[in-house]
PDB file of N, CA and C in Angstrom:
ATOM      1  N   MET A   1     -15.547  18.073   4.291  1.00  0.00           N
ATOM      2  CA  MET A   1     -14.180  17.606   4.181  1.00  0.00           C
ATOM      3  C   MET A   1     -13.908  17.269   2.722  1.00  0.00           C
ATOM      4  N   SER A   2     -12.814  17.758   2.179  1.00  0.00           N
ATOM      5  CA  SER A   2     -12.457  17.487   0.787  1.00  0.00           C
ATOM      6  C   SER A   2     -11.931  16.057   0.664  1.00  0.00           C
ATOM      7  N   PRO A   3     -11.913  15.488  -0.556  1.00  0.00           N
ATOM      8  CA  PRO A   3     -11.419  14.124  -0.741  1.00  0.00           C
ATOM      9  C   PRO A   3      -9.964  13.948  -0.342  1.00  0.00           C
ATOM     10  N   ARG A   4      -9.177  15.013  -0.354  1.00  0.00           N
ATOM     11  CA  ARG A   4      -7.765  14.913  -0.005  1.00  0.00           C
ATOM     12  C   ARG A   4      -7.504  15.195   1.469  1.00  0.00           C
ATOM     13  N   THR A   5      -8.521  15.493   2.244  1.00  0.00           N
ATOM     14  CA  THR A   5      -8.344  15.780   3.662  1.00  0.00           C
ATOM     15  C   THR A   5      -8.568  14.506   4.463  1.00  0.00           C
ATOM     16  N   VAL A   6      -7.666  14.214   5.364  1.00  0.00           N
ATOM     17  CA  VAL A   6      -7.754  12.996   6.152  1.00  0.00           C
ATOM     18  C   VAL A   6      -7.947  13.355   7.618  1.00  0.00           C
ATOM     19  N   ALA A   7      -9.049  12.941   8.173  1.00  0.00           N
ATOM     20  CA  ALA A   7      -9.332  13.099   9.604  1.00  0.00           C
ATOM     21  C   ALA A   7      -9.003  14.489  10.124  1.00  0.00           C
ATOM     22  N   GLY A   8      -9.432  15.512   9.408  1.00  0.00           N
ATOM     23  CA  GLY A   8      -9.261  16.867   9.877  1.00  0.00           C
ATOM     24  C   GLY A   8      -7.940  17.520   9.524  1.00  0.00           C
ATOM     25  N   SER A   9      -6.978  16.772   8.969  1.00  0.00           N
ATOM     26  CA  SER A   9      -5.715  17.399   8.584  1.00  0.00           C
ATOM     27  C   SER A   9      -5.930  18.196   7.313  1.00  0.00           C
ATOM     28  N   ARG A  10      -5.076  19.140   7.056  1.00  0.00           N
ATOM     29  CA  ARG A  10      -5.217  19.965   5.858  1.00  0.00           C
ATOM     30  C   ARG A  10      -3.943  19.898   5.022  1.00  0.00           C
ATOM     31  N   GLU A  11      -3.301  18.749   4.988  1.00  0.00           N
ATOM     32  CA  GLU A  11      -2.075  18.604   4.225  1.00  0.00           C
ATOM     33  C   GLU A  11      -2.398  18.614   2.734  1.00  0.00           C
ATOM     34  N   ALA A  12      -1.554  19.259   1.954  1.00  0.00           N
ATOM     35  CA  ALA A  12      -1.813  19.391   0.520  1.00  0.00           C
ATOM     36  C   ALA A  12      -1.108  18.301  -0.270  1.00  0.00           C
ATOM     37  N   GLY A  13      -1.713  17.913  -1.377  1.00  0.00           N
ATOM     38  CA  GLY A  13      -1.080  16.991  -2.310  1.00  0.00           C
ATOM     39  C   GLY A  13      -1.330  15.535  -1.987  1.00  0.00           C
ATOM     40  N   ALA A  14      -1.242  14.702  -3.014  1.00  0.00           N
ATOM     41  CA  ALA A  14      -1.518  13.275  -2.859  1.00  0.00           C
ATOM     42  C   ALA A  14      -0.486  12.574  -1.991  1.00  0.00           C
ATOM     43  N   ASP A  15       0.764  13.066  -1.980  1.00  0.00           N
ATOM     44  CA  ASP A  15       1.801  12.410  -1.198  1.00  0.00           C
ATOM     45  C   ASP A  15       1.607  12.593   0.299  1.00  0.00           C
ATOM     46  N   ALA A  16       0.803  13.567   0.701  1.00  0.00           N
ATOM     47  CA  ALA A  16       0.599  13.844   2.115  1.00  0.00           C
ATOM     48  C   ALA A  16      -0.594  13.095   2.680  1.00  0.00           C
ATOM     49  N   VAL A  17      -1.308  12.362   1.858  1.00  0.00           N
ATOM     50  CA  VAL A  17      -2.525  11.697   2.293  1.00  0.00           C
ATOM     51  C   VAL A  17      -2.218  10.278   2.740  1.00  0.00           C
ATOM     52  N   THR A  18      -2.734   9.886   3.885  1.00  0.00           N
ATOM     53  CA  THR A  18      -2.605   8.521   4.364  1.00  0.00           C
ATOM     54  C   THR A  18      -3.833   7.735   3.929  1.00  0.00           C
ATOM     55  N   LEU A  19      -3.603   6.595   3.323  1.00  0.00           N
ATOM     56  CA  LEU A  19      -4.695   5.756   2.836  1.00  0.00           C
ATOM     57  C   LEU A  19      -4.618   4.388   3.493  1.00  0.00           C
ATOM     58  N   MET A  20      -5.739   3.854   3.895  1.00  0.00           N
ATOM     59  CA  MET A  20      -5.799   2.482   4.383  1.00  0.00           C
ATOM     60  C   MET A  20      -6.531   1.664   3.340  1.00  0.00           C
ATOM     61  N   PHE A  21      -5.917   0.603   2.866  1.00  0.00           N
ATOM     62  CA  PHE A  21      -6.473  -0.259   1.824  1.00  0.00           C
ATOM     63  C   PHE A  21      -6.813   0.530   0.569  1.00  0.00           C
ATOM     64  N   GLY A  22      -6.050   1.574   0.277  1.00  0.00           N
ATOM     65  CA  GLY A  22      -6.246   2.383  -0.918  1.00  0.00           C
ATOM     66  C   GLY A  22      -4.994   2.370  -1.756  1.00  0.00           C
ATOM     67  N   HIS A  23      -4.967   3.174  -2.797  1.00  0.00           N
ATOM     68  CA  HIS A  23      -3.816   3.217  -3.686  1.00  0.00           C
ATOM     69  C   HIS A  23      -3.476   4.652  -4.016  1.00  0.00           C
ATOM     70  N   GLY A  24      -2.213   5.022  -3.799  1.00  0.00           N
ATOM     71  CA  GLY A  24      -1.748   6.327  -4.197  1.00  0.00           C
ATOM     72  C   GLY A  24      -1.443   6.341  -5.691  1.00  0.00           C
ATOM     73  N   THR A  25      -1.195   7.508  -6.239  1.00  0.00           N
ATOM     74  CA  THR A  25      -0.891   7.641  -7.650  1.00  0.00           C
ATOM     75  C   THR A  25       0.404   6.906  -7.986  1.00  0.00           C
ATOM     76  N   GLY A  26       0.332   6.000  -8.915  1.00  0.00           N
ATOM     77  CA  GLY A  26       1.510   5.259  -9.350  1.00  0.00           C
ATOM     78  C   GLY A  26       1.963   4.175  -8.396  1.00  0.00           C
ATOM     79  N   SER A  27       1.299   4.001  -7.281  1.00  0.00           N
ATOM     80  CA  SER A  27       1.713   3.018  -6.283  1.00  0.00           C
ATOM     81  C   SER A  27       1.720   1.600  -6.832  1.00  0.00           C
ATOM     82  N   ARG A  28       0.700   1.245  -7.555  1.00  0.00           N
ATOM     83  CA  ARG A  28       0.586  -0.129  -8.059  1.00  0.00           C
ATOM     84  C   ARG A  28       1.723  -0.453  -9.017  1.00  0.00           C
ATOM     85  N   ARG A  29       2.027   0.461  -9.958  1.00  0.00           N
ATOM     86  CA  ARG A  29       3.118   0.197 -10.917  1.00  0.00           C
ATOM     87  C   ARG A  29       4.450   0.050 -10.196  1.00  0.00           C
ATOM     88  N   HIS A  30       4.721   0.948  -9.270  1.00  0.00           N
ATOM     89  CA  HIS A  30       5.975   0.899  -8.517  1.00  0.00           C
ATOM     90  C   HIS A  30       6.045  -0.377  -7.681  1.00  0.00           C
ATOM     91  N   ALA A  31       4.965  -0.711  -7.025  1.00  0.00           N
ATOM     92  CA  ALA A  31       4.939  -1.887  -6.154  1.00  0.00           C
ATOM     93  C   ALA A  31       5.143  -3.164  -6.946  1.00  0.00           C
ATOM     94  N   GLU A  32       4.432  -3.301  -8.049  1.00  0.00           N
ATOM     95  CA  GLU A  32       4.538  -4.538  -8.819  1.00  0.00           C
ATOM     96  C   GLU A  32       5.946  -4.753  -9.351  1.00  0.00           C
ATOM     97  N   SER A  33       6.625  -3.682  -9.735  1.00  0.00           N
ATOM     98  CA  SER A  33       7.994  -3.844 -10.219  1.00  0.00           C
ATOM     99  C   SER A  33       8.956  -4.164  -9.073  1.00  0.00           C
ATOM    100  N   SER A  34       8.676  -3.673  -7.877  1.00  0.00           N
ATOM    101  CA  SER A  34       9.559  -3.903  -6.727  1.00  0.00           C
ATOM    102  C   SER A  34       9.223  -5.181  -5.961  1.00  0.00           C
ATOM    103  N   LEU A  35       7.955  -5.532  -5.900  1.00  0.00           N
ATOM    104  CA  LEU A  35       7.528  -6.647  -5.054  1.00  0.00           C
ATOM    105  C   LEU A  35       7.663  -8.020  -5.699  1.00  0.00           C
ATOM    106  N   THR A  36       7.878  -8.084  -6.995  1.00  0.00           N
ATOM    107  CA  THR A  36       7.942  -9.395  -7.649  1.00  0.00           C
ATOM    108  C   THR A  36       9.005 -10.289  -7.029  1.00  0.00           C
ATOM    109  N   ASP A  37      10.139  -9.735  -6.647  1.00  0.00           N
ATOM    110  CA  ASP A  37      11.189 -10.529  -6.002  1.00  0.00           C
ATOM    111  C   ASP A  37      10.946 -10.697  -4.507  1.00  0.00           C
ATOM    112  N   LEU A  38      10.399  -9.667  -3.864  1.00  0.00           N
ATOM    113  CA  LEU A  38      10.186  -9.702  -2.416  1.00  0.00           C
ATOM    114  C   LEU A  38       9.019 -10.594  -1.998  1.00  0.00           C
ATOM    115  N   LEU A  39       7.916 -10.504  -2.732  1.00  0.00           N
ATOM    116  CA  LEU A  39       6.696 -11.264  -2.425  1.00  0.00           C
ATOM    117  C   LEU A  39       6.185 -11.933  -3.699  1.00  0.00           C
ATOM    118  N   PRO A  40       6.777 -13.047  -4.083  1.00  0.00           N
ATOM    119  CA  PRO A  40       6.309 -13.706  -5.312  1.00  0.00           C
ATOM    120  C   PRO A  40       4.845 -14.138  -5.175  1.00  0.00           C
ATOM    121  N   LEU A  41       4.103 -13.992  -6.261  1.00  0.00           N
ATOM    122  CA  LEU A  41       2.694 -14.378  -6.284  1.00  0.00           C
ATOM    123  C   LEU A  41       2.535 -15.780  -6.851  1.00  0.00           C
ATOM    124  N   THR A  42       1.542 -16.489  -6.359  1.00  0.00           N
ATOM    125  CA  THR A  42       1.198 -17.795  -6.904  1.00  0.00           C
ATOM    126  C   THR A  42      -0.301 -17.839  -7.152  1.00  0.00           C
ATOM    127  N   GLY A  43      -0.700 -18.610  -8.148  1.00  0.00           N
ATOM    128  CA  GLY A  43      -2.123 -18.769  -8.438  1.00  0.00           C
ATOM    129  C   GLY A  43      -2.816 -17.452  -8.705  1.00  0.00           C
ATOM    130  N   ASP A  44      -3.963 -17.254  -8.058  1.00  0.00           N
ATOM    131  CA  ASP A  44      -4.743 -16.030  -8.267  1.00  0.00           C
ATOM    132  C   ASP A  44      -4.492 -14.988  -7.176  1.00  0.00           C
ATOM    133  N   ASP A  45      -3.324 -15.067  -6.528  1.00  0.00           N
ATOM    134  CA  ASP A  45      -2.950 -14.117  -5.485  1.00  0.00           C
ATOM    135  C   ASP A  45      -2.735 -12.734  -6.094  1.00  0.00           C
ATOM    136  N   SER A  46      -2.805 -11.703  -5.268  1.00  0.00           N
ATOM    137  CA  SER A  46      -2.564 -10.334  -5.723  1.00  0.00           C
ATOM    138  C   SER A  46      -1.944  -9.537  -4.588  1.00  0.00           C
ATOM    139  N   TYR A  47      -1.435  -8.347  -4.909  1.00  0.00           N
ATOM    140  CA  TYR A  47      -0.875  -7.453  -3.906  1.00  0.00           C
ATOM    141  C   TYR A  47      -1.973  -6.540  -3.372  1.00  0.00           C
ATOM    142  N   VAL A  48      -1.911  -6.278  -2.066  1.00  0.00           N
ATOM    143  CA  VAL A  48      -2.853  -5.378  -1.412  1.00  0.00           C
ATOM    144  C   VAL A  48      -2.043  -4.300  -0.703  1.00  0.00           C
ATOM    145  N   LEU A  49      -2.412  -3.049  -0.932  1.00  0.00           N
ATOM    146  CA  LEU A  49      -1.780  -1.945  -0.217  1.00  0.00           C
ATOM    147  C   LEU A  49      -2.398  -1.893   1.176  1.00  0.00           C
ATOM    148  N   LEU A  50      -1.624  -2.315   2.165  1.00  0.00           N
ATOM    149  CA  LEU A  50      -2.106  -2.385   3.539  1.00  0.00           C
ATOM    150  C   LEU A  50      -2.169  -0.996   4.171  1.00  0.00           C
ATOM    151  N   ALA A  51      -1.144  -0.176   3.933  1.00  0.00           N
ATOM    152  CA  ALA A  51      -1.117   1.180   4.483  1.00  0.00           C
ATOM    153  C   ALA A  51      -0.206   2.052   3.649  1.00  0.00           C
ATOM    154  N   ASP A  52      -0.605   3.293   3.474  1.00  0.00           N
ATOM    155  CA  ASP A  52       0.185   4.302   2.784  1.00  0.00           C
ATOM    156  C   ASP A  52       0.413   5.411   3.797  1.00  0.00           C
ATOM    157  N   LEU A  53       1.640   5.503   4.309  1.00  0.00           N
ATOM    158  CA  LEU A  53       1.931   6.448   5.383  1.00  0.00           C
ATOM    159  C   LEU A  53       2.720   7.652   4.909  1.00  0.00           C
ATOM    160  N   SER A  54       2.516   8.065   3.700  1.00  0.00           N
ATOM    161  CA  SER A  54       3.129   9.213   3.030  1.00  0.00           C
ATOM    162  C   SER A  54       4.631   9.043   2.795  1.00  0.00           C
ATOM    163  N   HIS A  55       5.381   8.444   3.673  1.00  0.00           N
ATOM    164  CA  HIS A  55       6.806   8.207   3.455  1.00  0.00           C
ATOM    165  C   HIS A  55       7.086   6.753   3.086  1.00  0.00           C
ATOM    166  N   ALA A  56       6.144   5.875   3.328  1.00  0.00           N
ATOM    167  CA  ALA A  56       6.311   4.451   3.017  1.00  0.00           C
ATOM    168  C   ALA A  56       4.953   3.818   2.735  1.00  0.00           C
ATOM    169  N   GLU A  57       4.977   2.798   1.887  1.00  0.00           N
ATOM    170  CA  GLU A  57       3.782   2.015   1.609  1.00  0.00           C
ATOM    171  C   GLU A  57       4.033   0.604   2.100  1.00  0.00           C
ATOM    172  N   TYR A  58       3.055   0.018   2.731  1.00  0.00           N
ATOM    173  CA  TYR A  58       3.162  -1.346   3.236  1.00  0.00           C
ATOM    174  C   TYR A  58       2.265  -2.246   2.396  1.00  0.00           C
ATOM    175  N   TRP A  59       2.883  -3.225   1.723  1.00  0.00           N
ATOM    176  CA  TRP A  59       2.179  -4.118   0.810  1.00  0.00           C
ATOM    177  C   TRP A  59       2.190  -5.534   1.364  1.00  0.00           C
ATOM    178  N   ILE A  60       1.145  -6.278   1.058  1.00  0.00           N
ATOM    179  CA  ILE A  60       1.008  -7.654   1.511  1.00  0.00           C
ATOM    180  C   ILE A  60       0.270  -8.444   0.427  1.00  0.00           C
ATOM    181  N   ARG A  61       0.534  -9.735   0.343  1.00  0.00           N
ATOM    182  CA  ARG A  61      -0.228 -10.585  -0.575  1.00  0.00           C
ATOM    183  C   ARG A  61      -1.624 -10.782  -0.012  1.00  0.00           C
ATOM    184  N   SER A  62      -2.614 -10.880  -0.888  1.00  0.00           N
ATOM    185  CA  SER A  62      -3.994 -11.061  -0.434  1.00  0.00           C
ATOM    186  C   SER A  62      -4.152 -12.352   0.372  1.00  0.00           C
ATOM    187  N   SER A  63      -3.423 -13.402   0.003  1.00  0.00           N
ATOM    188  CA  SER A  63      -3.504 -14.659   0.756  1.00  0.00           C
ATOM    189  C   SER A  63      -2.927 -14.508   2.161  1.00  0.00           C
ATOM    190  N   ASP A  64      -1.836 -13.751   2.292  1.00  0.00           N
ATOM    191  CA  ASP A  64      -1.253 -13.508   3.616  1.00  0.00           C
ATOM    192  C   ASP A  64      -2.189 -12.660   4.470  1.00  0.00           C
ATOM    193  N   LEU A  65      -2.857 -11.693   3.861  1.00  0.00           N
ATOM    194  CA  LEU A  65      -3.814 -10.866   4.587  1.00  0.00           C
ATOM    195  C   LEU A  65      -4.982 -11.717   5.080  1.00  0.00           C
ATOM    196  N   ALA A  66      -5.472 -12.612   4.240  1.00  0.00           N
ATOM    197  CA  ALA A  66      -6.588 -13.485   4.627  1.00  0.00           C
ATOM    198  C   ALA A  66      -6.225 -14.382   5.801  1.00  0.00           C
ATOM    199  N   HIS A  67      -4.936 -14.771   5.883  1.00  0.00           N
ATOM    200  CA  HIS A  67      -4.471 -15.625   6.988  1.00  0.00           C
ATOM    201  C   HIS A  67      -3.842 -14.832   8.127  1.00  0.00           C
ATOM    202  N   ARG A  68      -3.937 -13.494   8.046  1.00  0.00           N
ATOM    203  CA  ARG A  68      -3.379 -12.594   9.063  1.00  0.00           C
ATOM    204  C   ARG A  68      -1.876 -12.802   9.277  1.00  0.00           C
ATOM    205  N   GLU A  69      -1.177 -13.044   8.192  1.00  0.00           N
ATOM    206  CA  GLU A  69       0.286 -13.212   8.205  1.00  0.00           C
ATOM    207  C   GLU A  69       0.952 -11.861   7.960  1.00  0.00           C
ATOM    208  N   PHE A  70       0.793 -10.938   8.907  1.00  0.00           N
ATOM    209  CA  PHE A  70       1.272  -9.572   8.729  1.00  0.00           C
ATOM    210  C   PHE A  70       2.801  -9.484   8.708  1.00  0.00           C
ATOM    211  N   GLY A  71       3.469 -10.512   9.178  1.00  0.00           N
ATOM    212  CA  GLY A  71       4.931 -10.529   9.151  1.00  0.00           C
ATOM    213  C   GLY A  71       5.495 -10.594   7.743  1.00  0.00           C
ATOM    214  N   SER A  72       4.672 -10.958   6.792  1.00  0.00           N
ATOM    215  CA  SER A  72       5.160 -11.037   5.411  1.00  0.00           C
ATOM    216  C   SER A  72       4.989  -9.719   4.656  1.00  0.00           C
ATOM    217  N   ALA A  73       4.388  -8.717   5.276  1.00  0.00           N
ATOM    218  CA  ALA A  73       4.208  -7.417   4.617  1.00  0.00           C
ATOM    219  C   ALA A  73       5.571  -6.792   4.341  1.00  0.00           C
ATOM    220  N   GLN A  74       5.647  -6.049   3.253  1.00  0.00           N
ATOM    221  CA  GLN A  74       6.887  -5.387   2.870  1.00  0.00           C
ATOM    222  C   GLN A  74       6.664  -3.884   2.797  1.00  0.00           C
ATOM    223  N   ALA A  75       7.621  -3.122   3.304  1.00  0.00           N
ATOM    224  CA  ALA A  75       7.554  -1.662   3.245  1.00  0.00           C
ATOM    225  C   ALA A  75       8.368  -1.178   2.055  1.00  0.00           C
ATOM    226  N   LEU A  76       7.780  -0.291   1.281  1.00  0.00           N
ATOM    227  CA  LEU A  76       8.480   0.327   0.161  1.00  0.00           C
ATOM    228  C   LEU A  76       8.540   1.837   0.411  1.00  0.00           C
ATOM    229  N   PRO A  77       9.712   2.440   0.292  1.00  0.00           N
ATOM    230  CA  PRO A  77       9.799   3.885   0.462  1.00  0.00           C
ATOM    231  C   PRO A  77       9.113   4.590  -0.694  1.00  0.00           C
ATOM    232  N   ARG A  78       8.574   5.750  -0.427  1.00  0.00           N
ATOM    233  CA  ARG A  78       7.925   6.529  -1.498  1.00  0.00           C
ATOM    234  C   ARG A  78       8.907   7.486  -2.102  1.00  0.00           C
TER     235      ARG A  78
END
């Protein structure tokens, strides 16, 4: 299986790949510019890419993930 193949699918390109707890190309830069107002960070908190579903990315603060506060996750369109 190639690094870009997910669970037997043969979709081409980075945008077609679903990642769990991973980062797509440019995702972090886009997320940080968009999430600063939606999910403000405090202390040593950080953003975690919860899911990348090719059409949307779901981001959550690391502190919310640790407390299983999934309701605070934010979806960003790709």
